Every structure is written in C-alpha cells, then in structure tokens.
Amino acid sequence: MTRQIRTSPAACDQSLHQAYDTALLDLDGVVYAGGRAIGHAVESLAAARADGMHLAYVTNNALRTPEAVAEHLGELGIPTEAAEVITSAQAVARLIAEQVEPGSKVLVIGGEGLRVALRERGLEPVDSADEEGLAAVVQGYGGPDLAWGRFAEASYAINRGVPWYASNTDLTIPGARGIAPGNGAAVEVVRIATGAEPQVAGKPLPPMHRETVLRTGAKRPLVVGDRLDTDIEGAFNGEVDSLLVLTGVTDAEQLLRAEPRHRPTYVDRDLRGLLAGQPEVVPAAEGFRCGGWTAVALNSGVLELSEADEQDGTGGQDPAGRAGLDPLDGLRALCAAAWTAGAEGVCTLDAAKALARLGFQ
C-alpha cells in the first residue's frame, strides 16, 4: 500500500484531547526542559486528563527509571504513575531479551534506567567487557557525568564480536541552558572506534512504538513531540497522528523543510494545543490560506505570505496590532505551500522574510 504524502497540516473540529483517547507525550522539550516544566504544560495536561484523556510519557531518554520520571513529574505538579512512563531503556531491554538467553550478562553503558529495565526482563547488567559469557552491550544516555572510559569499555567488547544495542540515537537533548549532546553523539564515538552498527530500539523505530502500544493499550493515540526525526517520524512509522509543539529543538524553518516522514499531522505552540481544535488550511488562488493568512510559493524561489486585506488593497504592512490574526495560522499556511512545493522531497524555497513577519525568526 502506498502511503499518501502529507502536503498540509490537518484540521480537527474537536479539541485534540477529545478526538484522541491517549496522548503519547515526549518529555524533554515538550513537558519539561532541564528539569523545569515548560510553560502551560502543567495546566494543559491537568485539563486534558480531567476531561478523560489518558496520558503516557514516552521518552528516548534511558537515564532514569519510570519511577524516577514519575516522581519528577509529580514534583512539577503532574501526578503520574510509573506505569504511565515508557522509556527507550524498556524497549531496548525487550529487544535484547528476545535475542539472548534468559539470565544473560549485558554490559551497560549508561544509567540506572537501563539496569532496571534489563533486570525487569530477567537479564544481568554488568560493568566490565571482561565478564565471562557476555551476551550483549547496551548503550543509553548516561547524563553529562558519564565517564569517557565507559565508551572504551563498550568498544573492547564490541571489537570482540559482542552484539551492540542502543536505546536511541538522538544526537542532541534540550536542557535548561540550551542544547547538549545526546546519546546519539555517544553512539557515534563507539561507532568510530569499532566500525560496528548497533541495533536501535528508540523512537522513531518500531521497537519503541511496539513497547508503547503494549504498555498503554491505546486505541486512538496522538503522538506529541518536539523532534521531527524521532517523535514525528516515529508516529509516521507507526501510522498514527502527531502534534508537533514548538517548545523544543524544532524551529519553524526546519518544519517548513520537513520531508514527508517528518511532517506532523498538527502543529501548535505548546501543550495548550491539546485543548483546542485545529484550523483548516484550504487552497486559495495560487496558494493556501489559514485564518487570515495566505502563503504562496513563487517562481522566484520565495515563500510569500500575505493577509486577506492586503490582497484586496485595504491593509497595511504591520500585522502585529491587528486583532484576530494568529501567527501560527500563518505558519500552517506556509507549511502547506512548502510541503506542496517539496512534494516527496524537501522544500528549498526561501521563507526567511515570511517567518520574520510572523515572529518565528
């Protein structure tokens, strides 16, 4: 079956928390950054839950246990059970357990989250590449204090032929002070030293989606994330809808240049988007309209943005003070123009002026 290429953000007449039974929420860059709750996250999630939506927190960060994550969320004002947290450590532990004998020894390069997940699957976490009968090496995010020598330990085992697994390959991770190297950067270090390729479990790959479905039982899930190459691609691979929030690593320019597998179903500023419907983006003249904005892909290689009153000659050039104009609607219209122009590839049109007008640059 050929999958239809998304060329525009979708509309939804209902609030998203009413249209879907379960929100599969990424954590870093969506719910919190650097340990602090992102604006509007706490109250938005409380309102969605109170209205009947199930919440599950799905993270590629393998450092902490589900219990630790749930405790942290509770401290932020988001009451959470450990069973509502699904980590890439759990997904990679299941993947390993399906390929090695019960009770096998696994060299851990990472934090406590990996160790607990391995024990849950009946495997024995160890620290040395010299352990007799070593069956696998697993690598997950170990935080900024992970010793460099751990990468050497992994390399010794892998170079002897021990199978290598990685919880995820996110190159970066958002924090309170900015963007920092993620587990993917650490995986690259070991790849350079060994020339090997790990089996990867985390988003956007199928093992993580399978783990999430098994643990949540979601029937109409909505993936909510901030990363195109993990959250949104994972939803694409799992053939479920997605909401991109602009509170993490993805900016408006990257969204416009998204290839088909990275194009979200919906886009919003933050988690308040869960509590609202999504406006329709419609063809208009030679472009696309959303709200009071129209976006057109010009032959000159530029994405042009205009207002309805500009088109009929009644408007000025500064929209900032006009009531009823939502810059996010302008971005949605630009997405439609860019994704249509990009078709099966990537849009290369210049959107700098249009995005600056909306305040996204």
Protein backbone atom coordinates (compact mmCIF):
# COMPACT_ATOMS: atom_id res chain seq x y z
CA MET A 1 0.00 0.00 0.00
CA THR A 2 1.35 3.42 -0.98
CA ARG A 3 1.12 5.93 1.87
CA GLN A 4 -0.33 9.32 0.94
CA ILE A 5 2.16 12.17 1.19
CA ARG A 6 1.14 14.88 3.66
CA THR A 7 1.16 18.30 1.98
CA SER A 8 -0.63 20.32 4.65
CA PRO A 9 -1.34 20.33 8.39
CA ALA A 10 -4.70 18.70 9.06
CA ALA A 11 -7.84 20.23 10.54
CA CYS A 12 -9.71 18.89 13.57
CA ASP A 13 -13.16 20.16 14.55
CA GLN A 14 -12.89 18.70 18.05
CA SER A 15 -10.35 19.57 20.68
CA LEU A 16 -7.49 17.12 20.25
CA HIS A 17 -7.92 15.76 23.77
CA GLN A 18 -11.47 14.76 22.80
CA ALA A 19 -10.61 13.40 19.36
CA TYR A 20 -7.92 11.00 20.67
CA ASP A 21 -8.04 8.65 23.65
CA THR A 22 -4.36 8.75 24.61
CA ALA A 23 -1.60 11.33 24.32
CA LEU A 24 1.82 9.72 23.86
CA LEU A 25 3.93 12.59 25.14
CA ASP A 26 7.62 13.10 24.73
CA LEU A 27 9.22 14.65 27.82
CA ASP A 28 12.37 16.64 27.02
CA GLY A 29 11.34 19.74 25.08
CA VAL A 30 7.61 19.02 25.44
CA VAL A 31 6.75 18.68 29.14
CA TYR A 32 9.99 19.93 30.65
CA ALA A 33 13.43 21.22 29.73
CA GLY A 34 16.38 20.87 32.07
CA GLY A 35 14.13 19.61 34.83
CA ARG A 36 11.75 22.58 34.74
CA ALA A 37 8.21 22.45 33.42
CA ILE A 38 7.68 24.17 30.08
CA GLY A 39 5.16 26.99 30.10
CA HIS A 40 1.49 25.90 30.07
CA ALA A 41 2.42 22.20 30.30
CA VAL A 42 1.17 21.51 33.83
CA GLU A 43 -2.25 23.12 33.49
CA SER A 44 -2.81 21.80 29.95
CA LEU A 45 -2.08 18.21 30.93
CA ALA A 46 -4.26 18.51 34.03
CA ALA A 47 -7.17 19.78 31.94
CA ALA A 48 -6.75 17.02 29.33
CA ARG A 49 -6.65 14.31 31.99
CA ALA A 50 -9.65 15.76 33.86
CA ASP A 51 -11.65 15.58 30.63
CA GLY A 52 -10.89 11.88 30.16
CA MET A 53 -7.74 11.75 28.05
CA HIS A 54 -5.17 9.13 29.05
CA LEU A 55 -1.62 10.45 29.31
CA ALA A 56 1.51 8.40 28.70
CA TYR A 57 5.03 9.76 28.75
CA VAL A 58 7.24 8.24 26.07
CA THR A 59 10.89 9.19 26.22
CA ASN A 60 14.05 8.22 24.39
CA ASN A 61 16.00 9.27 27.48
CA ALA A 62 17.14 6.00 29.07
CA LEU A 63 18.91 7.58 32.04
CA ARG A 64 16.16 7.44 34.67
CA THR A 65 13.73 4.73 35.72
CA PRO A 66 9.98 5.14 35.16
CA GLU A 67 9.61 5.57 38.93
CA ALA A 68 12.12 8.42 38.96
CA VAL A 69 10.46 10.09 35.98
CA ALA A 70 7.02 9.76 37.59
CA GLU A 71 8.36 11.25 40.83
CA HIS A 72 9.88 14.18 38.94
CA LEU A 73 6.64 14.83 37.07
CA GLY A 74 4.77 14.77 40.38
CA GLU A 75 7.17 17.37 41.76
CA LEU A 76 6.36 19.57 38.77
CA GLY A 77 2.64 19.29 39.55
CA ILE A 78 1.81 16.49 37.10
CA PRO A 79 0.61 13.45 39.09
CA THR A 80 1.96 10.38 37.29
CA GLU A 81 2.18 6.64 37.92
CA ALA A 82 5.33 4.77 36.94
CA ALA A 83 3.24 2.60 34.61
CA GLU A 84 2.42 5.73 32.60
CA VAL A 85 6.10 6.22 31.70
CA ILE A 86 7.60 4.30 28.78
CA THR A 87 11.33 4.62 28.13
CA SER A 88 13.71 3.56 25.41
CA ALA A 89 15.50 1.55 28.11
CA GLN A 90 12.42 -0.66 28.38
CA ALA A 91 12.20 -1.01 24.60
CA VAL A 92 15.85 -1.97 24.16
CA ALA A 93 15.71 -4.38 27.11
CA ARG A 94 12.81 -6.22 25.46
CA LEU A 95 14.71 -6.26 22.15
CA ILE A 96 17.78 -7.80 23.80
CA ALA A 97 15.74 -10.32 25.80
CA GLU A 98 14.18 -11.61 22.59
CA GLN A 99 17.64 -12.40 21.17
CA VAL A 100 19.67 -13.76 24.10
CA GLU A 101 19.21 -16.49 26.68
CA PRO A 102 17.38 -15.70 29.95
CA GLY A 103 19.78 -14.54 32.65
CA SER A 104 22.41 -13.42 30.13
CA LYS A 105 25.01 -10.82 31.10
CA VAL A 106 24.71 -7.42 29.41
CA LEU A 107 27.40 -4.72 29.57
CA VAL A 108 25.71 -1.43 30.47
CA ILE A 109 26.97 1.89 29.13
CA GLY A 110 24.51 4.32 30.66
CA GLY A 111 22.47 4.92 33.77
CA GLU A 112 20.14 3.26 36.24
CA GLY A 113 17.22 3.27 33.82
CA LEU A 114 18.98 0.67 31.66
CA ARG A 115 19.88 -1.52 34.63
CA VAL A 116 16.36 -1.63 35.98
CA ALA A 117 14.88 -2.35 32.54
CA LEU A 118 17.31 -5.22 31.97
CA ARG A 119 16.52 -6.79 35.33
CA GLU A 120 12.81 -6.49 34.52
CA ARG A 121 13.49 -8.72 31.50
CA GLY A 122 15.49 -11.27 33.52
CA LEU A 123 18.91 -10.11 32.31
CA GLU A 124 22.03 -9.36 34.40
CA PRO A 125 23.61 -5.90 33.97
CA VAL A 126 27.42 -5.85 34.31
CA ASP A 127 30.13 -3.18 34.11
CA SER A 128 33.14 -4.91 32.53
CA ALA A 129 33.84 -6.07 28.98
CA ASP A 130 35.88 -8.88 30.53
CA GLU A 131 32.86 -10.62 32.10
CA GLU A 132 32.75 -14.27 31.08
CA GLY A 133 29.79 -15.15 28.86
CA LEU A 134 28.96 -11.56 27.95
CA ALA A 135 25.95 -11.69 25.60
CA ALA A 136 25.38 -8.04 24.66
CA VAL A 137 26.44 -4.42 25.04
CA VAL A 138 23.71 -1.84 25.57
CA GLN A 139 24.28 1.90 25.35
CA GLY A 140 21.90 4.60 26.57
CA TYR A 141 22.08 8.22 27.67
CA GLY A 142 24.21 8.39 30.80
CA GLY A 143 23.98 12.09 31.56
CA PRO A 144 26.76 14.72 31.45
CA ASP A 145 28.84 12.88 34.09
CA LEU A 146 29.19 9.60 32.21
CA ALA A 147 32.90 8.76 32.22
CA TRP A 148 34.74 8.62 28.89
CA GLY A 149 36.15 5.26 29.88
CA ARG A 150 32.71 3.69 29.52
CA PHE A 151 32.91 4.21 25.75
CA ALA A 152 36.24 2.39 25.73
CA GLU A 153 34.69 -0.48 27.70
CA ALA A 154 31.94 -0.79 25.10
CA SER A 155 34.47 -0.71 22.28
CA TYR A 156 36.56 -3.52 23.78
CA ALA A 157 33.53 -5.83 23.91
CA ILE A 158 32.13 -4.89 20.52
CA ASN A 159 35.51 -5.34 18.83
CA ARG A 160 35.49 -8.89 20.20
CA GLY A 161 32.20 -9.55 18.43
CA VAL A 162 29.70 -8.96 21.24
CA PRO A 163 26.35 -7.71 19.79
CA TRP A 164 25.74 -3.99 20.35
CA TYR A 165 22.39 -2.36 21.13
CA ALA A 166 21.48 1.30 21.64
CA SER A 167 18.44 2.70 23.39
CA ASN A 168 18.25 5.58 20.91
CA THR A 169 20.37 7.75 18.63
CA ASP A 170 19.15 11.30 19.37
CA LEU A 171 22.17 13.44 18.64
CA THR A 172 21.05 16.21 21.00
CA ILE A 173 19.00 16.71 24.15
CA PRO A 174 17.40 20.02 25.25
CA GLY A 175 18.17 21.38 28.69
CA ALA A 176 17.67 24.48 30.79
CA ARG A 177 20.86 26.07 29.44
CA GLY A 178 20.41 25.02 25.82
CA ILE A 179 21.01 22.04 23.54
CA ALA A 180 23.50 19.41 24.72
CA PRO A 181 24.91 16.21 23.16
CA GLY A 182 22.52 13.26 23.39
CA ASN A 183 23.01 9.50 23.30
CA GLY A 184 23.38 9.56 19.53
CA ALA A 185 26.56 11.59 19.92
CA ALA A 186 27.91 8.98 22.35
CA VAL A 187 26.92 6.18 19.97
CA GLU A 188 28.96 7.91 17.24
CA VAL A 189 32.03 7.76 19.49
CA VAL A 190 31.72 3.98 19.83
CA ARG A 191 30.87 3.57 16.14
CA ILE A 192 34.08 5.36 15.18
CA ALA A 193 36.11 3.11 17.49
CA THR A 194 34.54 -0.14 16.29
CA GLY A 195 33.14 0.33 12.80
CA ALA A 196 30.06 -1.53 14.05
CA GLU A 197 26.37 -0.63 13.88
CA PRO A 198 24.04 -1.07 16.86
CA GLN A 199 20.51 -2.39 16.86
CA VAL A 200 18.45 0.62 17.96
CA ALA A 201 15.17 0.43 19.85
CA GLY A 202 14.06 4.02 20.49
CA LYS A 203 11.95 6.45 18.52
CA PRO A 204 11.43 6.57 15.57
CA LEU A 205 11.95 2.82 15.20
CA PRO A 206 9.31 0.07 15.57
CA PRO A 207 10.53 -1.46 18.90
CA MET A 208 9.65 1.76 20.76
CA HIS A 209 6.23 2.04 19.13
CA ARG A 210 5.53 -1.61 19.96
CA GLU A 211 6.61 -1.09 23.59
CA THR A 212 4.33 1.93 23.87
CA VAL A 213 1.27 0.17 22.45
CA LEU A 214 1.85 -2.90 24.63
CA ARG A 215 2.13 -0.84 27.80
CA THR A 216 -0.65 1.72 27.17
CA GLY A 217 -3.28 -0.21 25.21
CA ALA A 218 -4.03 2.99 23.27
CA LYS A 219 -6.70 2.70 20.56
CA ARG A 220 -6.65 6.25 19.13
CA PRO A 221 -3.24 7.60 20.14
CA LEU A 222 -1.83 11.03 19.38
CA VAL A 223 1.96 11.34 19.46
CA VAL A 224 3.04 14.70 20.91
CA GLY A 225 6.64 15.75 20.43
CA ASP A 226 9.17 18.42 19.57
CA ARG A 227 11.50 16.47 17.28
CA LEU A 228 10.84 15.71 13.63
CA ASP A 229 13.37 12.89 13.38
CA THR A 230 12.16 10.92 16.41
CA ASP A 231 8.67 11.85 17.62
CA ILE A 232 7.11 12.75 14.28
CA GLU A 233 8.93 10.10 12.25
CA GLY A 234 8.00 7.56 14.91
CA ALA A 235 4.33 8.47 14.50
CA PHE A 236 4.74 8.19 10.73
CA ASN A 237 6.29 4.73 11.05
CA GLY A 238 3.53 3.66 13.44
CA GLU A 239 0.85 5.14 11.16
CA VAL A 240 -0.65 7.30 13.90
CA ASP A 241 -1.35 11.04 14.07
CA SER A 242 1.05 13.53 15.62
CA LEU A 243 1.20 17.00 17.13
CA LEU A 244 4.43 19.00 16.91
CA VAL A 245 4.93 21.60 19.63
CA LEU A 246 7.44 24.39 19.11
CA THR A 247 8.89 24.30 22.62
CA GLY A 248 11.91 22.10 21.93
CA VAL A 249 14.52 21.53 19.24
CA THR A 250 12.43 22.04 16.07
CA ASP A 251 12.02 25.59 14.80
CA ALA A 252 9.68 26.96 12.15
CA GLU A 253 12.26 26.90 9.36
CA GLN A 254 13.04 23.22 9.97
CA LEU A 255 9.32 22.47 9.94
CA LEU A 256 8.90 24.05 6.52
CA ARG A 257 11.79 21.98 5.17
CA ALA A 258 10.45 18.70 6.57
CA GLU A 259 10.50 15.68 4.29
CA PRO A 260 7.28 13.61 4.15
CA ARG A 261 8.09 11.28 7.06
CA HIS A 262 8.83 14.32 9.26
CA ARG A 263 5.61 16.24 8.58
CA PRO A 264 3.29 16.32 11.62
CA THR A 265 -0.47 15.99 11.42
CA TYR A 266 -0.87 19.13 13.54
CA VAL A 267 1.37 21.95 14.76
CA ASP A 268 0.95 24.22 17.78
CA ARG A 269 3.00 26.46 20.07
CA ASP A 270 2.88 24.28 23.18
CA LEU A 271 0.70 21.79 25.04
CA ARG A 272 -2.26 24.16 25.03
CA GLY A 273 -2.76 22.74 21.56
CA LEU A 274 -4.13 19.56 23.14
CA LEU A 275 -7.13 21.52 24.40
CA ALA A 276 -8.04 23.09 21.08
CA GLY A 277 -9.20 22.08 17.65
CA GLN A 278 -7.04 22.68 14.62
CA PRO A 279 -7.99 25.13 11.86
CA GLU A 280 -8.41 24.12 8.25
CA VAL A 281 -5.80 25.02 5.67
CA VAL A 282 -7.51 25.50 2.30
CA PRO A 283 -6.35 26.15 -1.26
CA ALA A 284 -6.66 29.83 -2.13
CA ALA A 285 -5.83 31.29 -5.54
CA GLU A 286 -2.30 30.01 -6.24
CA GLY A 287 -1.51 29.26 -2.61
CA PHE A 288 -3.01 28.19 0.71
CA ARG A 289 -4.98 30.04 3.34
CA CYS A 290 -5.32 29.51 7.08
CA GLY A 291 -7.13 32.03 9.21
CA GLY A 292 -6.31 35.47 7.86
CA TRP A 293 -3.06 34.42 6.17
CA THR A 294 -2.29 33.24 2.64
CA ALA A 295 1.01 31.62 1.63
CA VAL A 296 2.22 31.23 -1.95
CA ALA A 297 5.27 29.51 -3.44
CA LEU A 298 6.62 31.98 -6.03
CA ASN A 299 8.56 31.06 -9.15
CA SER A 300 11.32 33.32 -7.86
CA GLY A 301 12.13 30.73 -5.20
CA VAL A 302 10.47 32.54 -2.32
CA LEU A 303 7.60 31.64 0.03
CA GLU A 304 5.41 34.75 0.19
CA LEU A 305 2.97 35.48 2.99
CA SER A 306 0.09 37.96 2.81
CA GLU A 307 -3.13 38.92 4.57
CA ALA A 308 -6.61 38.96 3.09
CA ASP A 309 -6.92 42.73 3.45
CA GLU A 310 -3.57 43.23 1.73
CA GLN A 311 -4.85 41.25 -1.23
CA ASP A 312 -7.91 43.46 -1.58
CA GLY A 313 -5.85 46.64 -1.05
CA THR A 314 -7.27 47.65 2.34
CA GLY A 315 -4.44 46.60 4.66
CA GLY A 316 -1.09 47.92 5.78
CA GLN A 317 2.16 46.09 6.24
CA ASP A 318 2.41 45.57 10.01
CA PRO A 319 0.05 42.85 11.27
CA ALA A 320 1.28 42.91 14.86
CA GLY A 321 -1.53 45.08 16.18
CA ARG A 322 -4.41 43.58 14.25
CA ALA A 323 -6.90 41.56 16.26
CA GLY A 324 -7.73 38.04 15.13
CA LEU A 325 -4.51 37.32 13.24
CA ASP A 326 -2.72 34.32 14.68
CA PRO A 327 0.90 33.95 13.53
CA LEU A 328 0.52 30.19 13.96
CA ASP A 329 -2.13 30.20 11.24
CA GLY A 330 0.41 31.91 9.00
CA LEU A 331 2.90 29.14 9.77
CA ARG A 332 0.31 26.49 8.95
CA ALA A 333 -0.37 28.16 5.60
CA LEU A 334 3.37 28.31 4.93
CA CYS A 335 3.65 24.59 5.75
CA ALA A 336 1.04 23.80 3.11
CA ALA A 337 2.83 25.88 0.49
CA ALA A 338 6.26 24.50 1.41
CA TRP A 339 5.24 20.84 1.68
CA THR A 340 3.30 21.02 -1.58
CA ALA A 341 6.33 22.52 -3.31
CA GLY A 342 8.60 19.94 -1.72
CA ALA A 343 6.26 17.07 -2.64
CA GLU A 344 8.21 13.85 -1.94
CA GLY A 345 11.37 15.75 -1.06
CA VAL A 346 12.40 18.86 0.84
CA CYS A 347 11.24 22.42 0.15
CA THR A 348 14.19 24.68 -0.69
CA LEU A 349 12.24 27.94 -1.08
CA ASP A 350 13.35 30.98 0.92
CA ALA A 351 10.95 31.59 3.81
CA ALA A 352 13.11 33.98 5.88
CA LYS A 353 11.02 37.12 5.24
CA ALA A 354 7.71 35.34 5.80
CA LEU A 355 8.86 33.74 9.06
CA ALA A 356 10.31 37.02 10.30
CA ARG A 357 6.97 38.70 9.70
CA LEU A 358 5.29 36.07 11.87
CA GLY A 359 7.88 36.45 14.62
CA PHE A 360 9.39 32.99 14.11
CA GLN A 361 12.92 34.26 13.37
